[in-house]
């Protein structure tokens, strides 16, 4: 039986509805993008204005850009010290978290016992607890061990808090890799660790990079834990910028310059590693 073609007006109506839907979707995305980027743009404009222009009402749009806030932040206030602290804390947290997370995630992805489920469940519950539940214990430990205001204390605290997230994430990536790969390597003479290191880890590179980026973001942007566990020597950048503008609005331009300075390293890291991040996030989406 021959199939009748749709009437011309009905075909045009379907095409119009599709075009309307696509236009509406783009409009919603444009509104979302504008709302998401507006605070960053406003902060950047504030950082390159003079204080008299930055807080004028109505806002001043025609102004002469100046880097005075950045010069005062980096040269006079010594903001580079806080950048070094943030780098030490973030790199240390990522190194320890990923090292433990890879081993734990691989073991839990291959272990079929009931205890593996309870370990993952306990990690999930531990990660769901609010930050305030850890502040007093960590502060008490810092006083007992005399490690308050040290990089080591902040690193260990952030590892303890963010490790469950890293284990869950890496475990999901390892679960997508067939067990036959390491079994073949062990048949060829490798032991379990050699099969893990030489076969599984290279395949897991995008997933490890993805977990490292998220672990870096969690450590780099943390505010509450370093606020309590540091004073002057190990203060990271998120805590440092809170010192500017608390009492005098003349320092708010410096605080805005600090916020932009904090954002730029993360933006550069994401741009440099975006292809690994995309591969890691889509790993396992399509099974062969």
Protein backbone atom coordinates (compact mmCIF):
# COMPACT_ATOMS: atom_id res chain seq x y z
CA UNK A 1 0.00 0.00 0.00
CA UNK A 2 1.42 3.36 -0.99
CA UNK A 3 2.19 5.87 1.78
CA UNK A 4 0.62 9.26 1.33
CA UNK A 5 2.94 12.23 1.78
CA UNK A 6 2.01 14.75 4.48
CA UNK A 7 0.18 17.82 3.32
CA UNK A 8 2.44 20.75 2.54
CA UNK A 9 0.95 23.01 5.20
CA UNK A 10 1.30 20.29 7.86
CA UNK A 11 5.00 19.84 6.96
CA UNK A 12 5.59 23.58 7.22
CA UNK A 13 3.81 23.63 10.57
CA UNK A 14 6.13 20.94 11.99
CA UNK A 15 9.17 22.81 10.67
CA UNK A 16 7.94 26.04 12.24
CA UNK A 17 7.40 24.35 15.58
CA UNK A 18 10.90 22.91 15.47
CA UNK A 19 12.41 26.32 14.63
CA UNK A 20 10.40 27.93 17.43
CA UNK A 21 11.62 25.30 19.91
CA UNK A 22 15.27 25.78 18.86
CA UNK A 23 14.92 29.57 19.09
CA UNK A 24 13.37 29.29 22.55
CA UNK A 25 16.16 26.97 23.70
CA UNK A 26 18.83 29.40 22.46
CA UNK A 27 17.05 32.28 24.17
CA UNK A 28 17.00 30.41 27.50
CA UNK A 29 20.70 29.53 27.11
CA UNK A 30 21.51 33.18 26.33
CA UNK A 31 19.68 34.38 29.44
CA UNK A 32 21.43 31.73 31.56
CA UNK A 33 24.84 32.64 30.11
CA UNK A 34 24.24 36.33 30.77
CA UNK A 35 23.23 35.70 34.39
CA UNK A 36 26.21 33.37 34.91
CA UNK A 37 28.87 35.67 33.47
CA UNK A 38 27.47 39.02 34.68
CA UNK A 39 28.99 38.79 38.22
CA UNK A 40 32.42 37.96 36.78
CA UNK A 41 32.24 40.88 34.30
CA UNK A 42 31.06 43.25 37.03
CA UNK A 43 33.90 42.15 39.33
CA UNK A 44 36.44 42.62 36.55
CA UNK A 45 35.15 46.12 35.77
CA UNK A 46 35.28 46.98 39.47
CA UNK A 47 38.89 45.81 39.66
CA UNK A 48 40.03 48.18 36.88
CA UNK A 49 38.14 51.24 38.15
CA UNK A 50 39.21 53.85 40.62
CA UNK A 51 37.33 53.53 43.93
CA UNK A 52 35.41 56.74 43.20
CA UNK A 53 34.14 55.21 39.94
CA UNK A 54 33.69 51.66 41.21
CA UNK A 55 30.97 52.59 43.70
CA UNK A 56 29.34 55.55 41.97
CA UNK A 57 25.55 55.58 41.77
CA UNK A 58 24.42 55.33 39.02
CA UNK A 59 27.26 53.07 37.73
CA UNK A 60 29.97 54.75 35.67
CA UNK A 61 30.45 53.04 32.31
CA UNK A 62 32.73 55.58 30.66
CA UNK A 63 35.94 55.43 32.68
CA UNK A 64 39.69 55.19 32.22
CA UNK A 65 40.92 51.67 33.10
CA UNK A 66 43.62 51.45 35.74
CA UNK A 67 45.65 48.62 37.24
CA UNK A 68 46.09 50.44 40.53
CA UNK A 69 44.15 47.79 42.47
CA UNK A 70 46.30 44.97 41.05
CA UNK A 71 49.51 46.86 41.78
CA UNK A 72 48.48 47.50 45.36
CA UNK A 73 47.30 43.92 45.78
CA UNK A 74 50.42 42.17 44.46
CA UNK A 75 53.19 44.67 45.23
CA UNK A 76 52.09 46.40 48.42
CA UNK A 77 49.93 43.74 50.06
CA UNK A 78 52.15 40.81 49.00
CA UNK A 79 49.32 38.73 47.57
CA UNK A 80 51.85 36.38 45.97
CA UNK A 81 52.41 34.78 49.39
CA UNK A 82 48.79 33.65 49.48
CA UNK A 83 49.11 32.35 45.90
CA UNK A 84 52.06 30.20 47.02
CA UNK A 85 50.03 28.91 49.98
CA UNK A 86 47.08 28.05 47.72
CA UNK A 87 49.40 26.26 45.28
CA UNK A 88 51.04 24.20 48.04
CA UNK A 89 47.69 23.25 49.61
CA UNK A 90 46.00 22.44 46.29
CA UNK A 91 48.87 20.40 44.83
CA UNK A 92 49.37 18.51 48.09
CA UNK A 93 45.65 17.75 48.39
CA UNK A 94 45.37 16.55 44.79
CA UNK A 95 48.50 14.39 45.03
CA UNK A 96 47.38 12.57 48.17
CA UNK A 97 43.70 12.35 47.17
CA UNK A 98 44.37 10.92 43.72
CA UNK A 99 47.00 8.48 44.98
CA UNK A 100 44.64 7.06 47.60
CA UNK A 101 41.58 7.41 45.37
CA UNK A 102 43.10 5.43 42.49
CA UNK A 103 44.04 2.49 44.69
CA UNK A 104 40.78 2.53 46.66
CA UNK A 105 38.61 3.11 43.59
CA UNK A 106 40.29 0.27 41.68
CA UNK A 107 39.98 -2.13 44.63
CA UNK A 108 36.33 -1.29 45.24
CA UNK A 109 35.49 -1.60 41.54
CA UNK A 110 36.90 -5.15 41.47
CA UNK A 111 35.78 -6.33 44.91
CA UNK A 112 32.37 -8.01 44.91
CA UNK A 113 31.94 -8.52 48.67
CA UNK A 114 29.25 -6.90 50.79
CA UNK A 115 31.83 -4.97 52.79
CA UNK A 116 32.70 -2.99 49.64
CA UNK A 117 29.17 -1.63 49.53
CA UNK A 118 29.32 -0.55 53.16
CA UNK A 119 32.68 1.14 52.64
CA UNK A 120 31.22 3.16 49.76
CA UNK A 121 28.12 3.93 51.78
CA UNK A 122 30.21 5.12 54.73
CA UNK A 123 32.27 7.31 52.40
CA UNK A 124 29.08 8.79 50.98
CA UNK A 125 27.69 9.56 54.44
CA UNK A 126 31.01 11.07 55.53
CA UNK A 127 31.05 13.33 52.45
CA UNK A 128 27.46 14.43 53.07
CA UNK A 129 28.21 15.73 56.57
CA UNK A 130 28.40 19.55 56.86
CA UNK A 131 31.77 21.27 57.15
CA UNK A 132 30.91 22.53 60.64
CA UNK A 133 30.99 18.95 61.95
CA UNK A 134 34.76 18.77 61.29
CA UNK A 135 35.94 22.19 62.42
CA UNK A 136 36.17 21.61 66.17
CA UNK A 137 37.82 18.14 65.91
CA UNK A 138 40.43 19.41 63.44
CA UNK A 139 41.06 22.51 65.53
CA UNK A 140 41.48 20.39 68.66
CA UNK A 141 43.90 18.07 66.83
CA UNK A 142 45.84 21.11 65.61
CA UNK A 143 46.22 22.38 69.15
CA UNK A 144 47.35 18.98 70.45
CA UNK A 145 49.89 18.42 67.66
CA UNK A 146 50.93 22.08 67.42
CA UNK A 147 50.28 22.07 63.68
CA UNK A 148 47.87 25.01 63.61
CA UNK A 149 48.53 27.42 60.73
CA UNK A 150 50.59 24.89 58.76
CA UNK A 151 50.18 23.64 55.20
CA UNK A 152 50.26 20.02 56.35
CA UNK A 153 47.25 20.41 58.62
CA UNK A 154 45.12 22.07 55.93
CA UNK A 155 46.14 19.47 53.35
CA UNK A 156 45.26 16.55 55.62
CA UNK A 157 41.93 18.16 56.56
CA UNK A 158 40.96 18.75 52.92
CA UNK A 159 42.04 15.24 51.94
CA UNK A 160 39.91 13.76 54.71
CA UNK A 161 36.87 15.79 53.65
CA UNK A 162 37.16 15.39 49.87
CA UNK A 163 38.57 11.84 49.69
CA UNK A 164 35.13 10.13 49.60
CA UNK A 165 34.19 12.15 46.52
CA UNK A 166 37.44 11.18 44.78
CA UNK A 167 36.98 7.49 45.62
CA UNK A 168 33.39 7.45 44.33
CA UNK A 169 34.36 9.23 41.13
CA UNK A 170 37.38 7.07 40.34
CA UNK A 171 35.54 3.90 41.29
CA UNK A 172 32.88 4.67 38.66
CA UNK A 173 35.62 5.14 36.02
CA UNK A 174 37.43 1.92 36.96
CA UNK A 175 34.14 0.00 36.86
CA UNK A 176 33.82 0.78 33.13
CA UNK A 177 37.15 -0.88 32.28
CA UNK A 178 36.80 -4.61 31.49
CA UNK A 179 38.50 -6.92 33.96
CA UNK A 180 39.77 -9.00 31.06
CA UNK A 181 42.50 -6.41 30.41
CA UNK A 182 44.35 -6.94 33.69
CA UNK A 183 43.60 -10.68 33.55
CA UNK A 184 45.38 -10.84 30.19
CA UNK A 185 48.31 -8.89 31.63
CA UNK A 186 48.53 -11.28 34.61
CA UNK A 187 48.48 -14.27 32.26
CA UNK A 188 51.47 -12.68 30.49
CA UNK A 189 53.39 -12.57 33.78
CA UNK A 190 52.35 -9.34 35.50
CA UNK A 191 51.23 -9.30 39.09
CA UNK A 192 48.13 -7.39 40.18
CA UNK A 193 49.92 -4.10 40.85
CA UNK A 194 51.88 -4.25 37.57
CA UNK A 195 48.67 -4.89 35.64
CA UNK A 196 47.09 -1.94 37.42
CA UNK A 197 50.04 0.40 36.84
CA UNK A 198 51.01 -0.49 33.28
CA UNK A 199 47.61 -1.40 31.79
CA UNK A 200 44.75 0.20 33.71
CA UNK A 201 46.27 3.55 34.69
CA UNK A 202 47.16 4.60 31.10
CA UNK A 203 43.60 3.79 30.00
CA UNK A 204 42.27 5.70 33.01
CA UNK A 205 44.30 8.85 32.25
CA UNK A 206 41.28 11.01 31.21
CA UNK A 207 39.32 9.87 34.27
CA UNK A 208 42.26 10.56 36.58
CA UNK A 209 42.69 14.04 35.09
CA UNK A 210 38.97 14.70 35.55
CA UNK A 211 39.05 13.60 39.19
CA UNK A 212 42.21 15.66 39.72
CA UNK A 213 40.53 18.79 38.36
CA UNK A 214 37.51 18.39 40.63
CA UNK A 215 39.76 17.67 43.62
CA UNK A 216 41.80 20.75 42.74
CA UNK A 217 38.68 22.91 42.57
CA UNK A 218 37.44 21.65 45.93
CA UNK A 219 40.78 22.37 47.60
CA UNK A 220 41.53 25.63 45.78
CA UNK A 221 38.15 27.24 46.53
CA UNK A 222 37.76 26.02 50.11
CA UNK A 223 37.17 28.89 52.53
CA UNK A 224 35.75 27.70 55.85
CA UNK A 225 38.34 25.04 56.74
CA UNK A 226 41.42 27.24 56.05
CA UNK A 227 39.72 30.17 57.80
CA UNK A 228 39.65 28.21 61.08
CA UNK A 229 42.89 26.23 60.71
CA UNK A 230 45.17 29.06 59.53
CA UNK A 231 46.22 32.46 60.85
CA UNK A 232 49.07 34.07 58.88
CA UNK A 233 51.61 31.52 57.61
CA UNK A 234 49.39 29.13 55.60
CA UNK A 235 46.49 31.42 54.64
CA UNK A 236 45.27 30.68 51.06
CA UNK A 237 43.85 33.23 48.64
CA UNK A 238 40.09 32.75 49.33
CA UNK A 239 40.68 33.59 52.99
CA UNK A 240 43.10 36.42 52.20
CA UNK A 241 40.72 38.45 50.03
CA UNK A 242 38.18 38.54 52.86
CA UNK A 243 40.59 40.90 54.64
CA UNK A 244 40.02 43.64 52.08
CA UNK A 245 36.91 45.77 52.14
CA UNK A 246 35.46 44.56 55.43
CA UNK A 247 35.51 48.02 56.98
CA UNK A 248 36.51 50.45 54.24
CA UNK A 249 34.91 50.40 50.76
CA UNK A 250 38.10 51.89 49.33
CA UNK A 251 39.57 48.39 49.53
CA UNK A 252 36.71 46.75 47.64
CA UNK A 253 38.50 47.33 44.33
CA UNK A 254 41.45 45.42 45.76
CA UNK A 255 39.10 42.62 46.82
CA UNK A 256 37.68 42.52 43.29
CA UNK A 257 41.21 42.34 41.87
CA UNK A 258 41.91 39.47 44.26
CA UNK A 259 38.79 37.61 43.11
CA UNK A 260 39.86 37.94 39.47
CA UNK A 261 43.39 36.86 40.37
CA UNK A 262 42.02 33.74 42.06
CA UNK A 263 39.88 32.86 39.03
CA UNK A 264 42.55 33.18 36.34
CA UNK A 265 44.71 30.14 37.31
CA UNK A 266 41.66 27.87 37.34
CA UNK A 267 40.47 29.23 33.99
CA UNK A 268 43.89 28.58 32.46
CA UNK A 269 44.03 25.05 33.90
CA UNK A 270 40.55 24.23 32.56
CA UNK A 271 41.42 25.61 29.11
CA UNK A 272 44.65 23.60 29.02
CA UNK A 273 43.07 20.33 30.19
CA UNK A 274 39.60 20.67 28.66
CA UNK A 275 40.07 17.85 26.16
CA UNK A 276 41.01 15.45 28.97
CA UNK A 277 38.11 16.74 31.05
CA UNK A 278 35.60 16.12 28.27
CA UNK A 279 36.99 12.65 27.59
CA UNK A 280 36.87 11.83 31.28
CA UNK A 281 33.30 13.03 31.75
CA UNK A 282 32.10 11.07 28.73
CA UNK A 283 34.07 7.90 29.59
CA UNK A 284 31.75 4.97 29.81
CA UNK A 285 28.85 6.79 28.17
CA UNK A 286 29.03 4.39 25.21
CA UNK A 287 30.05 0.80 25.83
CA UNK A 288 31.67 -1.20 23.10
